[in-house]
Protein backbone atom coordinates (compact mmCIF):
# COMPACT_ATOMS: atom_id res chain seq x y z
CA MET A 1 -24.07 11.27 -17.64
CA LYS A 2 -21.31 13.63 -16.47
CA LEU A 3 -18.09 12.53 -14.78
CA ARG A 4 -18.39 15.20 -12.10
CA GLU A 5 -21.87 14.02 -11.16
CA ILE A 6 -20.65 10.44 -10.76
CA LEU A 7 -17.63 11.49 -8.69
CA GLU A 8 -19.85 13.59 -6.42
CA ILE A 9 -22.04 10.56 -5.73
CA MET A 10 -18.94 8.44 -5.09
CA VAL A 11 -17.61 10.91 -2.51
CA LYS A 12 -21.03 11.34 -0.88
CA GLU A 13 -21.28 7.56 -0.45
CA GLU A 14 -17.73 7.49 0.99
CA ALA A 15 -16.69 4.94 -1.62
CA SER A 16 -13.06 3.99 -2.04
CA ASP A 17 -13.20 2.99 -5.72
CA LEU A 18 -15.38 3.74 -8.74
CA TYR A 19 -15.98 1.39 -11.71
CA LEU A 20 -17.22 2.66 -15.09
CA ARG A 21 -17.72 0.61 -18.26
CA THR A 22 -19.83 0.73 -21.41
CA LYS A 23 -23.20 -1.08 -21.05
CA ALA A 24 -22.85 -1.20 -17.25
CA LYS A 25 -24.30 0.81 -14.40
CA PRO A 26 -21.77 2.90 -12.45
CA ARG A 27 -20.59 0.97 -9.42
CA ALA A 28 -18.46 1.83 -6.41
CA ARG A 29 -16.74 -0.01 -3.60
CA ILE A 30 -18.47 1.00 -0.37
CA ASN A 31 -17.20 -0.55 2.88
CA GLY A 32 -15.42 -3.18 0.80
CA ALA A 33 -18.45 -4.26 -1.29
CA VAL A 34 -19.03 -3.26 -4.93
CA GLU A 35 -22.46 -1.62 -5.22
CA ILE A 36 -24.51 0.07 -7.97
CA ILE A 37 -24.62 3.85 -7.35
CA MET A 38 -26.63 4.99 -10.42
CA SER A 39 -29.47 3.22 -12.20
CA GLU A 40 -28.66 4.33 -15.76
CA TYR A 41 -26.42 2.27 -18.05
CA LEU A 42 -23.32 3.96 -19.44
CA THR A 43 -23.36 4.20 -23.23
CA ARG A 44 -20.36 4.19 -25.55
CA GLU A 45 -20.88 7.95 -25.97
CA ASN A 46 -20.92 8.43 -22.16
CA MET A 47 -17.60 6.60 -21.82
CA LEU A 48 -16.04 8.54 -24.68
CA GLU A 49 -17.06 11.82 -23.03
CA ILE A 50 -15.74 10.64 -19.64
CA THR A 51 -12.38 9.50 -21.02
CA ASN A 52 -11.98 12.72 -23.03
CA THR A 53 -12.67 14.68 -19.84
CA LEU A 54 -10.02 12.72 -17.99
CA LEU A 55 -7.38 12.61 -20.75
CA THR A 56 -6.78 16.34 -21.00
CA GLU A 57 -3.00 16.10 -20.64
CA GLU A 58 -1.18 15.12 -23.81
CA ARG A 59 1.24 12.79 -22.00
CA HIS A 60 -1.65 10.79 -20.51
CA ARG A 61 -3.48 10.63 -23.83
CA ARG A 62 -0.31 9.53 -25.61
CA THR A 63 0.39 6.81 -23.03
CA PHE A 64 -3.15 5.49 -23.38
CA VAL A 65 -2.97 5.45 -27.19
CA ASP A 66 0.38 3.63 -27.10
CA ASN A 67 -0.31 1.16 -24.28
CA TYR A 68 -4.15 0.90 -24.06
CA ASP A 69 -3.67 1.56 -20.32
CA VAL A 70 -2.79 4.66 -18.31
CA ASP A 71 -2.58 5.53 -14.61
CA PHE A 72 -2.66 9.13 -13.32
CA ILE A 73 -4.15 11.56 -10.79
CA HIS A 74 -7.28 13.57 -11.61
CA ASP A 75 -8.26 16.61 -9.53
CA GLU A 76 -11.95 17.48 -9.69
CA PRO A 77 -12.28 21.00 -8.22
CA GLY A 78 -14.60 21.09 -5.25
CA VAL A 79 -15.03 17.30 -5.29
CA GLY A 80 -11.73 15.59 -4.64
CA ARG A 81 -8.52 13.97 -5.83
CA PHE A 82 -8.66 10.63 -7.62
CA ARG A 83 -6.15 8.08 -8.81
CA VAL A 84 -7.48 7.02 -12.22
CA ASN A 85 -6.73 3.99 -14.36
CA ILE A 86 -8.17 3.86 -17.88
CA PHE A 87 -7.86 0.58 -19.77
CA MET A 88 -9.38 -1.14 -22.77
CA GLN A 89 -11.78 -4.06 -22.46
CA ARG A 90 -13.70 -5.64 -25.36
CA GLY A 91 -12.68 -2.75 -27.58
CA THR A 92 -14.00 0.07 -25.37
CA PRO A 93 -12.40 2.08 -22.54
CA ALA A 94 -13.16 1.33 -18.90
CA VAL A 95 -12.31 3.48 -15.89
CA VAL A 96 -11.41 2.67 -12.29
CA ALA A 97 -10.96 5.68 -10.00
CA ARG A 98 -9.76 5.60 -6.40
CA HIS A 99 -10.59 8.47 -4.06
CA VAL A 100 -7.37 9.85 -2.56
CA LEU A 101 -8.10 11.66 0.68
CA THR A 102 -6.42 15.06 0.86
CA HIS A 103 -6.17 14.95 4.65
CA VAL A 104 -3.37 12.68 5.86
CA LYS A 105 -4.76 10.80 8.85
CA THR A 106 -2.84 9.97 12.01
CA PHE A 107 -1.94 6.46 13.16
CA GLU A 108 -4.74 6.67 15.71
CA GLU A 109 -7.32 7.70 13.11
CA LEU A 110 -6.25 4.79 10.89
CA ASN A 111 -6.37 2.27 13.77
CA LEU A 112 -2.72 1.34 13.16
CA PRO A 113 -0.25 0.17 15.86
CA VAL A 114 0.75 3.65 17.04
CA GLU A 115 3.96 2.97 18.97
CA LEU A 116 5.35 0.58 16.37
CA CYS A 117 4.58 2.98 13.51
CA LYS A 118 6.37 5.75 15.42
CA LEU A 119 9.32 3.44 16.05
CA PHE A 120 9.63 2.59 12.35
CA ALA A 121 9.10 6.20 11.21
CA GLU A 122 11.90 7.38 13.50
CA GLU A 123 14.46 4.97 11.99
CA SER A 124 17.51 6.68 10.50
CA LYS A 125 18.51 3.90 8.08
CA GLY A 126 17.36 0.57 6.75
CA LEU A 127 14.24 -0.69 4.94
CA LEU A 128 10.57 -0.79 5.93
CA LEU A 129 8.00 -2.72 3.89
CA VAL A 130 4.25 -2.10 3.96
CA CYS A 131 2.34 -4.91 2.27
CA GLY A 132 -1.14 -6.01 1.36
CA PRO A 133 -3.55 -6.45 -1.55
CA ALA A 134 -4.38 -3.44 -3.74
CA GLY A 135 -6.71 -0.96 -2.06
CA ASN A 136 -5.99 -2.06 1.50
CA GLY A 137 -4.36 1.08 2.87
CA LYS A 138 -0.64 0.67 2.13
CA SER A 139 -0.11 4.15 0.64
CA THR A 140 -2.32 5.69 3.33
CA ALA A 141 -0.24 4.09 6.10
CA ILE A 142 3.04 5.30 4.60
CA ALA A 143 1.59 8.79 4.06
CA SER A 144 0.75 8.84 7.77
CA MET A 145 4.36 7.93 8.62
CA ILE A 146 5.74 10.61 6.31
CA GLU A 147 3.45 13.24 7.85
CA TYR A 148 4.47 12.10 11.35
CA VAL A 149 8.15 12.64 10.47
CA ASN A 150 7.22 15.94 8.81
CA MET A 151 5.63 17.12 12.07
CA ILE A 152 8.45 16.14 14.46
CA SER A 153 11.78 16.07 12.57
CA SER A 154 13.91 18.29 10.34
CA LYS A 155 14.64 15.92 7.47
CA HIS A 156 14.77 15.72 3.68
CA ILE A 157 12.17 13.29 2.36
CA ILE A 158 11.98 12.20 -1.29
CA THR A 159 8.98 10.28 -2.63
CA ILE A 160 9.07 8.46 -5.97
CA GLU A 161 5.55 7.53 -7.06
CA ASP A 162 3.53 6.37 -10.05
CA PRO A 163 1.48 8.57 -9.82
CA ILE A 164 1.82 10.91 -6.82
CA GLU A 165 -1.13 10.31 -4.50
CA PHE A 166 -0.93 12.30 -1.25
CA LEU A 167 0.40 15.86 -1.46
CA PHE A 168 2.52 17.05 1.45
CA ALA A 169 3.22 20.58 2.68
CA ASP A 170 6.62 21.25 4.25
CA LYS A 171 6.49 21.54 8.05
CA GLN A 172 9.55 20.57 10.07
CA SER A 173 10.87 18.64 7.05
CA ILE A 174 11.30 19.43 3.36
CA ILE A 175 9.55 16.97 1.04
CA ASN A 176 10.26 16.54 -2.67
CA GLN A 177 7.81 14.40 -4.63
CA ARG A 178 8.78 12.90 -7.99
CA GLU A 179 6.31 11.32 -10.42
CA ILE A 180 7.26 8.55 -12.83
CA GLY A 181 6.80 9.65 -16.44
CA PHE A 182 6.70 13.33 -15.49
CA ASP A 183 9.68 14.13 -13.26
CA VAL A 184 11.74 11.00 -14.01
CA PRO A 185 11.44 8.15 -16.58
CA ASN A 186 11.26 5.17 -14.19
CA PHE A 187 12.07 3.93 -10.68
CA PRO A 188 15.65 2.77 -11.39
CA SER A 189 16.45 6.14 -13.00
CA ALA A 190 15.06 7.96 -9.98
CA LEU A 191 17.11 5.83 -7.61
CA LYS A 192 20.33 5.99 -9.63
CA HIS A 193 21.32 9.40 -8.27
CA VAL A 194 18.97 9.70 -5.28
CA THR A 195 21.73 9.38 -2.70
CA GLN A 196 23.41 12.44 -4.26
CA GLN A 197 20.23 14.39 -3.41
CA SER A 198 21.02 13.93 0.31
CA PRO A 199 17.75 12.32 1.43
CA ASP A 200 17.10 11.12 4.96
CA ILE A 201 14.00 9.17 3.92
CA ILE A 202 13.06 7.76 0.52
CA TYR A 203 9.56 6.49 -0.25
CA ILE A 204 9.28 4.29 -3.35
CA GLY A 205 5.71 3.69 -4.50
CA ASN A 206 6.27 0.06 -5.46
CA ILE A 207 9.12 -2.34 -6.25
CA ARG A 208 8.41 -4.16 -9.50
CA ASP A 209 11.69 -5.69 -10.69
CA GLU A 210 15.22 -6.75 -9.81
CA GLU A 211 16.77 -3.48 -10.98
CA THR A 212 14.61 -1.40 -8.64
CA MET A 213 15.15 -3.85 -5.76
CA ARG A 214 18.92 -3.68 -6.27
CA ALA A 215 18.79 0.15 -6.25
CA VAL A 216 16.76 0.08 -3.02
CA ILE A 217 19.31 -2.16 -1.31
CA ASN A 218 22.10 0.14 -2.48
CA ALA A 219 20.29 3.25 -1.14
CA THR A 220 19.84 1.67 2.31
CA GLU A 221 23.46 0.50 2.42
CA LEU A 222 24.54 4.09 1.73
CA GLY A 223 22.65 5.30 4.79
CA ALA A 224 19.11 6.31 3.79
CA PHE A 225 15.91 5.01 5.35
CA VAL A 226 13.71 3.56 2.61
CA MET A 227 9.98 2.80 2.77
CA THR A 228 8.16 0.93 0.02
CA THR A 229 5.11 -1.23 -0.66
CA PHE A 230 4.51 -4.75 -1.93
CA HIS A 231 1.34 -6.43 -3.21
CA THR A 232 1.87 -9.44 -0.97
CA ILE A 233 -0.30 -10.85 1.81
CA ASN A 234 2.09 -11.35 4.75
CA ALA A 235 5.66 -10.91 5.96
CA THR A 236 7.06 -14.32 4.98
CA GLN A 237 5.61 -14.17 1.47
CA THR A 238 7.07 -10.68 1.07
CA LEU A 239 10.57 -11.84 2.04
CA MET A 240 10.43 -14.78 -0.36
CA ARG A 241 9.24 -12.56 -3.18
CA MET A 242 12.04 -10.07 -2.58
CA VAL A 243 14.65 -12.82 -2.77
CA ASN A 244 13.03 -14.29 -5.89
CA PHE A 245 13.44 -11.02 -7.78
CA PHE A 246 17.04 -12.19 -8.21
CA PRO A 247 18.51 -15.22 -10.01
CA PRO A 248 19.12 -18.29 -7.77
CA HIS A 249 22.90 -17.87 -7.61
CA LEU A 250 22.40 -14.50 -5.86
CA HIS A 251 19.83 -15.65 -3.28
CA ASP A 252 22.32 -16.22 -0.45
CA GLU A 253 23.84 -12.76 -1.00
CA VAL A 254 20.41 -11.05 -1.10
CA ARG A 255 19.22 -12.81 2.07
CA SER A 256 22.42 -11.70 3.80
CA GLN A 257 21.82 -8.09 2.72
CA LEU A 258 18.15 -8.17 3.77
CA SER A 259 19.07 -9.60 7.17
CA MET A 260 21.18 -6.47 7.78
CA ILE A 261 19.04 -3.70 6.25
CA LEU A 262 15.43 -4.79 6.89
CA ARG A 263 13.81 -3.14 9.92
CA GLY A 264 10.31 -4.54 9.68
CA VAL A 265 7.19 -5.44 7.72
CA ILE A 266 3.64 -4.21 8.24
CA SER A 267 0.98 -6.15 6.32
CA LEU A 268 -2.54 -4.73 6.03
CA ARG A 269 -6.00 -6.01 5.17
CA LEU A 270 -9.11 -3.87 5.43
CA LEU A 271 -12.17 -5.67 6.82
CA PRO A 272 -15.80 -4.48 6.85
CA CYS A 273 -16.88 -3.44 10.33
CA ARG A 274 -19.86 -4.97 12.08
CA GLY A 275 -23.06 -3.21 11.04
CA GLY A 276 -21.55 -1.80 7.84
CA LEU A 277 -19.87 1.09 9.66
CA GLY A 278 -16.81 1.45 7.43
CA ARG A 279 -13.68 -0.68 7.33
CA VAL A 280 -10.94 -1.41 9.85
CA PRO A 281 -7.42 -2.77 9.29
CA ALA A 282 -6.25 -6.13 10.48
CA TYR A 283 -2.48 -6.05 10.50
CA GLU A 284 0.50 -8.34 10.84
CA THR A 285 3.68 -6.75 12.17
CA MET A 286 7.17 -8.21 11.96
CA VAL A 287 10.14 -6.59 13.68
CA VAL A 288 13.58 -7.74 12.58
CA THR A 289 15.08 -8.93 15.84
CA PRO A 290 18.47 -10.71 15.93
CA THR A 291 16.61 -14.04 15.73
CA VAL A 292 14.53 -12.97 12.71
CA SER A 293 17.67 -11.58 11.06
CA ARG A 294 19.42 -14.94 11.53
CA LEU A 295 16.46 -16.87 10.10
CA ILE A 296 16.48 -14.65 6.98
CA ARG A 297 20.22 -15.11 6.54
CA GLU A 298 20.01 -18.90 7.00
CA ASN A 299 17.13 -19.30 4.49
CA ARG A 300 14.67 -20.34 7.21
CA ILE A 301 12.09 -17.72 6.27
CA LYS A 302 9.10 -20.03 6.74
CA GLU A 303 10.01 -20.41 10.43
CA ILE A 304 9.63 -16.66 11.00
CA GLN A 305 5.85 -16.98 11.27
CA ASP A 306 6.22 -18.83 14.58
CA TYR A 307 8.29 -15.95 15.99
CA ILE A 308 5.74 -13.39 14.78
CA ASP A 309 3.06 -15.34 16.67
CA ASP A 310 5.18 -15.26 19.83
CA GLY A 311 6.76 -11.79 19.42
CA LYS A 312 4.37 -9.53 21.34
CA LEU A 313 7.26 -8.29 23.52
CA PHE A 314 8.89 -6.78 20.41
CA GLY A 315 5.66 -5.35 18.96
CA MET A 316 4.96 -8.27 16.64
CA GLN A 317 1.52 -9.63 15.88
CA SER A 318 0.19 -12.16 13.39
CA PHE A 319 -2.89 -11.69 11.24
CA LYS A 320 -4.82 -14.34 13.14
CA GLN A 321 -4.06 -12.57 16.44
CA SER A 322 -5.19 -9.24 14.95
CA LEU A 323 -8.38 -10.81 13.59
CA VAL A 324 -9.22 -12.41 16.93
CA LYS A 325 -8.71 -9.05 18.71
CA LEU A 326 -11.13 -7.35 16.31
CA VAL A 327 -13.72 -10.07 16.94
CA LYS A 328 -13.35 -9.91 20.72
CA GLN A 329 -13.59 -6.11 20.64
CA GLY A 330 -16.90 -6.43 18.77
CA VAL A 331 -15.57 -4.52 15.76
CA VAL A 332 -15.76 -7.36 13.21
CA ASP A 333 -18.05 -10.38 12.97
CA ALA A 334 -16.34 -13.73 13.53
CA ASP A 335 -17.41 -15.16 10.17
CA VAL A 336 -15.97 -12.11 8.38
CA ALA A 337 -12.67 -12.41 10.24
CA ARG A 338 -12.52 -16.12 9.48
CA TYR A 339 -13.02 -15.39 5.77
CA TYR A 340 -9.98 -13.09 5.75
CA ALA A 341 -7.71 -15.43 7.74
CA ASP A 342 -4.75 -17.13 6.04
CA SER A 343 -5.70 -20.38 7.75
CA LYS A 344 -9.27 -20.94 8.90
CA ASP A 345 -8.14 -23.72 11.28
CA ASP A 346 -5.44 -21.57 12.90
CA PHE A 347 -7.93 -18.72 13.31
CA ASP A 348 -10.45 -21.05 14.98
CA LEU A 349 -7.77 -22.29 17.41
CA GLU A 350 -6.65 -18.74 18.21
CA LEU A 351 -10.26 -17.67 18.82
CA LYS A 352 -10.56 -20.54 21.32
CA GLY A 353 -7.31 -19.49 23.01
CA ILE A 354 -5.32 -22.49 21.80
CA ARG A 355 -1.77 -21.60 20.78
CA ARG A 356 0.71 -23.67 18.79
CA ALA A 357 4.16 -23.97 20.31
CA ILE A 358 7.20 -22.81 18.33
CA SER A 359 8.50 -25.84 16.46
């Protein structure tokens, strides 16, 4: 069973992710559901051949041998570009591959809030967060913003990724893309001197620790516009997680800094469309208004959700409002939307047109 053959089937089925493991049939995530795509079981020899095909670069092979886990990009000529993770399970390698689309889609094609995305992308300084579970379109949304800037503005954009996913061609802007482990050792190292590289926009693939978070805050305070992603489910959880990167005695200081530099949060969840016709994003949007800024500074983050619910004038929208819109537009079934809601009861009330007042 050849890797290329499996990847061709994955692309043909328009799957987002591929799952390969010894003594299992190849499976792929199609419209959000994991399905069998080939009837034959993968043998130990199949998996060895597949991993050897993938681990052609010495640095990837060495990382896998040392850590039993490696993440990198694989280009299959004539088939596509894939973000690959190889890891050990029960003494044998397993592979998960995500199809990275080479065409960067527009906000309209991605069904994102167009005017708000343009507003954020045109910021000259501050911090934008794009959040959501793994595989729910965070990197795709940021790539769309970068390409939008690339089309309309003359700027210097630096991306710091692990690994690089979307490849950009210079248009109005110049874009430098740095890969962790290849161009620079780690995120803090990349950010240490990034302001000396005169960037207008910095994209950081993911913030994983206090050191990186501190470097991000420093970069925004020195005048750059920074975009990054978090594996969190909504705006308020994201803010609390950012603060909790730091020890308790620094929380007041960090909240004060965030209240000044944060521009907004977009949280994404991809839902299966009615009739199995692909997936569509439900999104929560938070814009940092003076009121939201004050709530962050005063450690009243949990109250922000009420202002998101009532912030349509500023371009804000909660997940439950987004879910109800998708249901009323006939795009998503009500039971599917309810399943993805943070609160089933709040979703039911919103669907009935009953709104809670701001407390």
